[in-house]
C-alpha cells in the first residue's frame, strides 16, 4: 500500500499548513523544482517527538438538545494536527496551521453568504457570531474555518472573562482556563447555517 505524501504549502498558498497529495502529483511537483524532497515518515518522526498533552473535552450544553445531533446528512468536520486530534486555537489565530491535515480542502458547503458559530461553554450563556461562509474562489477550507472559530472563541473568552460562571470549574480568563489552552476538535452543523465547535482544553 503506497503512502500519501504530505507537502508544505507555503510556496503554493502562503499558509503554514500541510496537505496530502497523490504520489503522482508529489513526484511532479518535486521534479519541477517547486517542492523539496520531503517524505511523510520524516514528518511523522518530528511529530512523535512532540510532548504529550492531555485534553479535557467540554461537555455538550444541557440546555440545547440541538447540539446532541449532527445536522441530517452532514457529518462533523474534524481537525487533526500531526496525527493527533485538535488544533490549538492560538496557533490558528496567528496563522500557524503547520501539520493540519487537509488544510486547504473545501469542507464547508453552505448556500448562505454567512454562517453562525455558536459557542457552548459550561456555566456561561451561549455566544454566537456570524462569519462569511464563502470565499471569492470557492467554499471555506479547513484552515479558514479554524481561523474563524479561533476568532470567535477569542472574542467569547475576552468577553466572558469578566464573569464568574454558574460552574466555577469551567471559568475562563487569566489564572483559569486560558485561551492558549483551548483546542478545536470538531465542528458540528446543527442547522442550515449554524455550527457548534467541539472544544477541549489542555492540562
C-alpha atoms as a PDB file:
ATOM      1  CA  UNK A   1       0.000   0.000   0.000  1.00  0.00           C
ATOM      2  CA  UNK A   2       1.529   3.304  -1.103  1.00  0.00           C
ATOM      3  CA  UNK A   3       1.821   6.148   1.370  1.00  0.00           C
ATOM      4  CA  UNK A   4       0.227   9.542   0.862  1.00  0.00           C
ATOM      5  CA  UNK A   5       2.933  12.217   0.993  1.00  0.00           C
ATOM      6  CA  UNK A   6       2.376  15.426   2.928  1.00  0.00           C
ATOM      7  CA  UNK A   7       3.527  18.640   1.329  1.00  0.00           C
ATOM      8  CA  UNK A   8       4.329  22.049   2.831  1.00  0.00           C
ATOM      9  CA  UNK A   9       2.158  24.629   1.100  1.00  0.00           C
ATOM     10  CA  UNK A  10       3.965  27.890   1.888  1.00  0.00           C
ATOM     11  CA  UNK A  11       5.011  28.282  -1.760  1.00  0.00           C
ATOM     12  CA  UNK A  12       1.542  27.379  -3.054  1.00  0.00           C
ATOM     13  CA  UNK A  13      -0.809  29.436  -0.929  1.00  0.00           C
ATOM     14  CA  UNK A  14       1.098  31.360   1.702  1.00  0.00           C
ATOM     15  CA  UNK A  15      -0.437  29.312   4.534  1.00  0.00           C
ATOM     16  CA  UNK A  16       1.700  27.440   7.024  1.00  0.00           C
ATOM     17  CA  UNK A  17      -0.016  24.106   6.767  1.00  0.00           C
ATOM     18  CA  UNK A  18       0.357  20.695   5.152  1.00  0.00           C
ATOM     19  CA  UNK A  19      -1.930  18.911   2.743  1.00  0.00           C
ATOM     20  CA  UNK A  20      -1.915  15.330   1.375  1.00  0.00           C
ATOM     21  CA  UNK A  21      -1.324  14.935  -2.347  1.00  0.00           C
ATOM     22  CA  UNK A  22      -1.305  11.880  -4.566  1.00  0.00           C
ATOM     23  CA  UNK A  23       2.026  10.191  -5.244  1.00  0.00           C
ATOM     24  CA  UNK A  24       1.817  11.336  -8.867  1.00  0.00           C
ATOM     25  CA  UNK A  25       1.312  14.999  -8.032  1.00  0.00           C
ATOM     26  CA  UNK A  26       4.002  14.788  -5.361  1.00  0.00           C
ATOM     27  CA  UNK A  27       6.506  13.480  -7.932  1.00  0.00           C
ATOM     28  CA  UNK A  28       5.524  16.116 -10.488  1.00  0.00           C
ATOM     29  CA  UNK A  29       5.957  18.959  -8.004  1.00  0.00           C
ATOM     30  CA  UNK A  30       9.340  17.675  -6.864  1.00  0.00           C
ATOM     31  CA  UNK A  31      10.642  17.083 -10.386  1.00  0.00           C
ATOM     32  CA  UNK A  32       9.603  20.588 -11.391  1.00  0.00           C
ATOM     33  CA  UNK A  33      11.603  22.039  -8.503  1.00  0.00           C
ATOM     34  CA  UNK A  34       8.556  23.613  -6.838  1.00  0.00           C
ATOM     35  CA  UNK A  35       8.908  21.454  -3.718  1.00  0.00           C
ATOM     36  CA  UNK A  36      11.856  19.947  -1.849  1.00  0.00           C
ATOM     37  CA  UNK A  37      12.224  16.224  -1.295  1.00  0.00           C
ATOM     38  CA  UNK A  38      10.345  15.646   1.965  1.00  0.00           C
ATOM     39  CA  UNK A  39       8.667  12.401   2.941  1.00  0.00           C
ATOM     40  CA  UNK A  40       5.780  11.652   5.247  1.00  0.00           C
ATOM     41  CA  UNK A  41       7.871   9.426   7.516  1.00  0.00           C
ATOM     42  CA  UNK A  42      10.197  12.346   8.237  1.00  0.00           C
ATOM     43  CA  UNK A  43       7.246  14.459   9.344  1.00  0.00           C
ATOM     44  CA  UNK A  44       5.883  11.615  11.439  1.00  0.00           C
ATOM     45  CA  UNK A  45       9.154  11.296  13.319  1.00  0.00           C
ATOM     46  CA  UNK A  46       9.059  15.014  14.063  1.00  0.00           C
ATOM     47  CA  UNK A  47       5.508  14.866  15.382  1.00  0.00           C
ATOM     48  CA  UNK A  48       6.273  11.814  17.537  1.00  0.00           C
ATOM     49  CA  UNK A  49       8.902  13.891  19.342  1.00  0.00           C
ATOM     50  CA  UNK A  50       6.334  16.427  20.471  1.00  0.00           C
ATOM     51  CA  UNK A  51       5.464  16.452  24.184  1.00  0.00           C
ATOM     52  CA  UNK A  52       2.340  14.587  25.190  1.00  0.00           C
ATOM     53  CA  UNK A  53      -0.716  16.620  26.091  1.00  0.00           C
ATOM     54  CA  UNK A  54      -3.946  15.759  27.841  1.00  0.00           C
ATOM     55  CA  UNK A  55      -7.124  17.354  26.541  1.00  0.00           C
ATOM     56  CA  UNK A  56     -10.319  17.713  28.555  1.00  0.00           C
ATOM     57  CA  UNK A  57     -13.307  17.883  26.242  1.00  0.00           C
ATOM     58  CA  UNK A  58     -16.055  20.366  27.039  1.00  0.00           C
ATOM     59  CA  UNK A  59     -19.384  18.647  27.730  1.00  0.00           C
ATOM     60  CA  UNK A  60     -22.321  19.378  25.466  1.00  0.00           C
ATOM     61  CA  UNK A  61     -24.723  22.046  26.627  1.00  0.00           C
ATOM     62  CA  UNK A  62     -27.538  20.568  28.685  1.00  0.00           C
ATOM     63  CA  UNK A  63     -29.959  23.350  27.718  1.00  0.00           C
ATOM     64  CA  UNK A  64     -29.706  22.775  23.968  1.00  0.00           C
ATOM     65  CA  UNK A  65     -30.921  19.461  22.582  1.00  0.00           C
ATOM     66  CA  UNK A  66     -29.921  20.528  19.069  1.00  0.00           C
ATOM     67  CA  UNK A  67     -26.249  20.120  19.935  1.00  0.00           C
ATOM     68  CA  UNK A  68     -26.861  16.436  20.648  1.00  0.00           C
ATOM     69  CA  UNK A  69     -27.223  15.598  16.985  1.00  0.00           C
ATOM     70  CA  UNK A  70     -25.489  16.421  13.753  1.00  0.00           C
ATOM     71  CA  UNK A  71     -27.448  18.175  11.041  1.00  0.00           C
ATOM     72  CA  UNK A  72     -29.093  15.435   8.965  1.00  0.00           C
ATOM     73  CA  UNK A  73     -26.780  14.228   6.224  1.00  0.00           C
ATOM     74  CA  UNK A  74     -23.834  16.386   7.298  1.00  0.00           C
ATOM     75  CA  UNK A  75     -21.055  14.753   9.339  1.00  0.00           C
ATOM     76  CA  UNK A  76     -18.809  16.667  11.708  1.00  0.00           C
ATOM     77  CA  UNK A  77     -15.716  18.391  10.309  1.00  0.00           C
ATOM     78  CA  UNK A  78     -12.691  17.066  12.196  1.00  0.00           C
ATOM     79  CA  UNK A  79      -9.378  18.792  12.846  1.00  0.00           C
ATOM     80  CA  UNK A  80      -6.168  16.744  13.153  1.00  0.00           C
ATOM     81  CA  UNK A  81      -2.619  18.060  13.532  1.00  0.00           C
ATOM     82  CA  UNK A  82       0.354  15.733  13.115  1.00  0.00           C
ATOM     83  CA  UNK A  83      -1.832  12.675  13.693  1.00  0.00           C
ATOM     84  CA  UNK A  84      -3.482  13.981  16.863  1.00  0.00           C
ATOM     85  CA  UNK A  85      -6.999  15.349  17.044  1.00  0.00           C
ATOM     86  CA  UNK A  86      -7.301  19.031  17.815  1.00  0.00           C
ATOM     87  CA  UNK A  87      -5.833  22.274  16.512  1.00  0.00           C
ATOM     88  CA  UNK A  88      -4.733  24.841  19.075  1.00  0.00           C
ATOM     89  CA  UNK A  89      -6.794  27.983  18.563  1.00  0.00           C
ATOM     90  CA  UNK A  90      -3.938  30.329  19.432  1.00  0.00           C
ATOM     91  CA  UNK A  91      -1.927  28.820  16.567  1.00  0.00           C
ATOM     92  CA  UNK A  92      -4.894  29.151  14.207  1.00  0.00           C
ATOM     93  CA  UNK A  93      -5.429  32.776  15.245  1.00  0.00           C
ATOM     94  CA  UNK A  94      -1.782  33.524  14.480  1.00  0.00           C
ATOM     95  CA  UNK A  95      -2.000  31.774  11.107  1.00  0.00           C
ATOM     96  CA  UNK A  96       0.291  28.882  12.047  1.00  0.00           C
ATOM     97  CA  UNK A  97      -1.534  25.760  10.872  1.00  0.00           C
ATOM     98  CA  UNK A  98       1.537  23.632  10.274  1.00  0.00           C
ATOM     99  CA  UNK A  99       0.584  19.961  10.211  1.00  0.00           C
ATOM    100  CA  UNK A 100      -3.175  20.493   9.866  1.00  0.00           C
ATOM    101  CA  UNK A 101      -4.489  17.565   7.817  1.00  0.00           C
ATOM    102  CA  UNK A 102      -6.413  18.577   4.706  1.00  0.00           C
ATOM    103  CA  UNK A 103      -5.944  22.242   5.488  1.00  0.00           C
ATOM    104  CA  UNK A 104      -6.875  23.541   2.019  1.00  0.00           C
ATOM    105  CA  UNK A 105      -9.664  21.035   1.403  1.00  0.00           C
ATOM    106  CA  UNK A 106     -13.019  22.813   0.989  1.00  0.00           C
ATOM    107  CA  UNK A 107     -15.204  21.225   3.648  1.00  0.00           C
ATOM    108  CA  UNK A 108     -17.916  23.762   4.447  1.00  0.00           C
ATOM    109  CA  UNK A 109     -20.703  23.587   1.899  1.00  0.00           C
ATOM    110  CA  UNK A 110     -23.244  26.306   2.597  1.00  0.00           C
ATOM    111  CA  UNK A 111     -25.733  28.091   0.382  1.00  0.00           C
ATOM    112  CA  UNK A 112     -25.729  31.063   2.763  1.00  0.00           C
ATOM    113  CA  UNK A 113     -23.395  34.032   2.426  1.00  0.00           C
ATOM    114  CA  UNK A 114     -22.734  33.860   6.170  1.00  0.00           C
ATOM    115  CA  UNK A 115     -22.737  31.166   8.832  1.00  0.00           C
ATOM    116  CA  UNK A 116     -23.116  31.422  12.596  1.00  0.00           C
ATOM    117  CA  UNK A 117     -20.667  29.900  15.059  1.00  0.00           C
ATOM    118  CA  UNK A 118     -22.242  29.241  18.428  1.00  0.00           C
ATOM    119  CA  UNK A 119     -20.014  28.706  21.455  1.00  0.00           C
ATOM    120  CA  UNK A 120     -21.498  26.467  24.141  1.00  0.00           C
ATOM    121  CA  UNK A 121     -19.296  26.667  27.250  1.00  0.00           C
ATOM    122  CA  UNK A 122     -20.348  25.168  30.611  1.00  0.00           C
ATOM    123  CA  UNK A 123     -21.629  27.754  33.059  1.00  0.00           C
ATOM    124  CA  UNK A 124     -21.972  30.564  30.517  1.00  0.00           C
ATOM    125  CA  UNK A 125     -24.785  31.626  28.229  1.00  0.00           C
ATOM    126  CA  UNK A 126     -24.292  30.693  24.588  1.00  0.00           C
ATOM    127  CA  UNK A 127     -22.318  33.087  22.404  1.00  0.00           C
ATOM    128  CA  UNK A 128     -22.943  33.440  18.648  1.00  0.00           C
ATOM    129  CA  UNK A 129     -21.115  35.329  15.939  1.00  0.00           C
ATOM    130  CA  UNK A 130     -21.518  35.363  12.163  1.00  0.00           C
ATOM    131  CA  UNK A 131     -18.737  34.951   9.612  1.00  0.00           C
ATOM    132  CA  UNK A 132     -18.664  34.886   5.834  1.00  0.00           C
ATOM    133  CA  UNK A 133     -19.162  31.335   4.574  1.00  0.00           C
ATOM    134  CA  UNK A 134     -17.895  31.730   1.026  1.00  0.00           C
ATOM    135  CA  UNK A 135     -14.621  32.837  -0.498  1.00  0.00           C
ATOM    136  CA  UNK A 136     -14.128  34.590  -3.800  1.00  0.00           C
ATOM    137  CA  UNK A 137     -12.675  31.425  -5.330  1.00  0.00           C
ATOM    138  CA  UNK A 138     -14.829  28.813  -3.639  1.00  0.00           C
ATOM    139  CA  UNK A 139     -16.133  27.409  -0.379  1.00  0.00           C
ATOM    140  CA  UNK A 140     -14.476  27.519   3.022  1.00  0.00           C
ATOM    141  CA  UNK A 141     -11.477  25.265   3.527  1.00  0.00           C
ATOM    142  CA  UNK A 142     -10.445  23.706   6.832  1.00  0.00           C
ATOM    143  CA  UNK A 143      -7.742  26.294   7.574  1.00  0.00           C
ATOM    144  CA  UNK A 144     -10.111  29.239   7.109  1.00  0.00           C
ATOM    145  CA  UNK A 145     -12.714  27.594   9.342  1.00  0.00           C
ATOM    146  CA  UNK A 146     -10.118  27.040  12.068  1.00  0.00           C
ATOM    147  CA  UNK A 147      -9.166  30.715  11.970  1.00  0.00           C
ATOM    148  CA  UNK A 148     -12.792  31.841  12.090  1.00  0.00           C
ATOM    149  CA  UNK A 149     -13.523  29.632  15.101  1.00  0.00           C
ATOM    150  CA  UNK A 150     -10.340  30.916  16.741  1.00  0.00           C
ATOM    151  CA  UNK A 151     -11.554  34.499  16.299  1.00  0.00           C
ATOM    152  CA  UNK A 152     -14.997  33.748  17.730  1.00  0.00           C
ATOM    153  CA  UNK A 153     -13.668  31.825  20.741  1.00  0.00           C
ATOM    154  CA  UNK A 154     -11.147  34.578  21.423  1.00  0.00           C
ATOM    155  CA  UNK A 155     -13.970  37.138  21.446  1.00  0.00           C
ATOM    156  CA  UNK A 156     -16.078  34.878  23.662  1.00  0.00           C
ATOM    157  CA  UNK A 157     -13.320  34.358  26.233  1.00  0.00           C
ATOM    158  CA  UNK A 158     -12.383  38.041  26.287  1.00  0.00           C
ATOM    159  CA  UNK A 159     -15.993  38.960  26.982  1.00  0.00           C
ATOM    160  CA  UNK A 160     -16.831  36.202  29.464  1.00  0.00           C
ATOM    161  CA  UNK A 161     -13.610  36.508  31.488  1.00  0.00           C
ATOM    162  CA  UNK A 162     -15.322  39.309  33.433  1.00  0.00           C
ATOM    163  CA  UNK A 163     -17.926  36.944  34.862  1.00  0.00           C
ATOM    164  CA  UNK A 164     -17.967  34.061  37.312  1.00  0.00           C
ATOM    165  CA  UNK A 165     -19.890  31.215  35.627  1.00  0.00           C
ATOM    166  CA  UNK A 166     -22.562  29.057  37.197  1.00  0.00           C
ATOM    167  CA  UNK A 167     -19.991  26.231  37.087  1.00  0.00           C
ATOM    168  CA  UNK A 168     -16.798  27.837  38.525  1.00  0.00           C
ATOM    169  CA  UNK A 169     -14.634  24.916  37.434  1.00  0.00           C
ATOM    170  CA  UNK A 170     -15.116  25.992  33.817  1.00  0.00           C
ATOM    171  CA  UNK A 171     -14.241  29.658  34.345  1.00  0.00           C
ATOM    172  CA  UNK A 172     -12.270  31.297  31.530  1.00  0.00           C
ATOM    173  CA  UNK A 173      -9.640  34.008  31.838  1.00  0.00           C
ATOM    174  CA  UNK A 174      -6.205  34.585  33.286  1.00  0.00           C
ATOM    175  CA  UNK A 175      -5.448  32.106  36.029  1.00  0.00           C
ATOM    176  CA  UNK A 176      -8.318  29.858  34.974  1.00  0.00           C
ATOM    177  CA  UNK A 177      -8.822  28.266  31.540  1.00  0.00           C
ATOM    178  CA  UNK A 178      -6.797  30.487  29.236  1.00  0.00           C
ATOM    179  CA  UNK A 179      -7.083  30.936  25.508  1.00  0.00           C
ATOM    180  CA  UNK A 180      -3.736  29.318  24.795  1.00  0.00           C
ATOM    181  CA  UNK A 181      -5.024  26.054  26.266  1.00  0.00           C
ATOM    182  CA  UNK A 182      -8.059  25.702  24.007  1.00  0.00           C
ATOM    183  CA  UNK A 183      -8.241  23.280  21.064  1.00  0.00           C
ATOM    184  CA  UNK A 184     -10.792  22.794  18.305  1.00  0.00           C
ATOM    185  CA  UNK A 185     -11.622  19.098  17.853  1.00  0.00           C
ATOM    186  CA  UNK A 186     -14.636  19.158  15.541  1.00  0.00           C
ATOM    187  CA  UNK A 187     -17.240  21.432  14.050  1.00  0.00           C
ATOM    188  CA  UNK A 188     -20.840  20.215  14.040  1.00  0.00           C
ATOM    189  CA  UNK A 189     -23.650  21.595  11.948  1.00  0.00           C
ATOM    190  CA  UNK A 190     -26.870  21.932  13.966  1.00  0.00           C
ATOM    191  CA  UNK A 191     -29.000  23.879  11.481  1.00  0.00           C
ATOM    192  CA  UNK A 192     -28.800  25.143   7.919  1.00  0.00           C
ATOM    193  CA  UNK A 193     -26.421  27.970   8.817  1.00  0.00           C
ATOM    194  CA  UNK A 194     -25.358  27.343  12.432  1.00  0.00           C
ATOM    195  CA  UNK A 195     -22.274  25.431  13.567  1.00  0.00           C
ATOM    196  CA  UNK A 196     -21.124  24.469  17.060  1.00  0.00           C
ATOM    197  CA  UNK A 197     -17.403  23.905  17.690  1.00  0.00           C
ATOM    198  CA  UNK A 198     -16.454  20.921  19.839  1.00  0.00           C
ATOM    199  CA  UNK A 199     -13.720  22.286  22.103  1.00  0.00           C
ATOM    200  CA  UNK A 200     -11.249  20.952  24.635  1.00  0.00           C
ATOM    201  CA  UNK A 201      -8.540  22.456  26.804  1.00  0.00           C
ATOM    202  CA  UNK A 202      -5.060  21.193  27.590  1.00  0.00           C
ATOM    203  CA  UNK A 203      -3.894  20.459  31.132  1.00  0.00           C
END
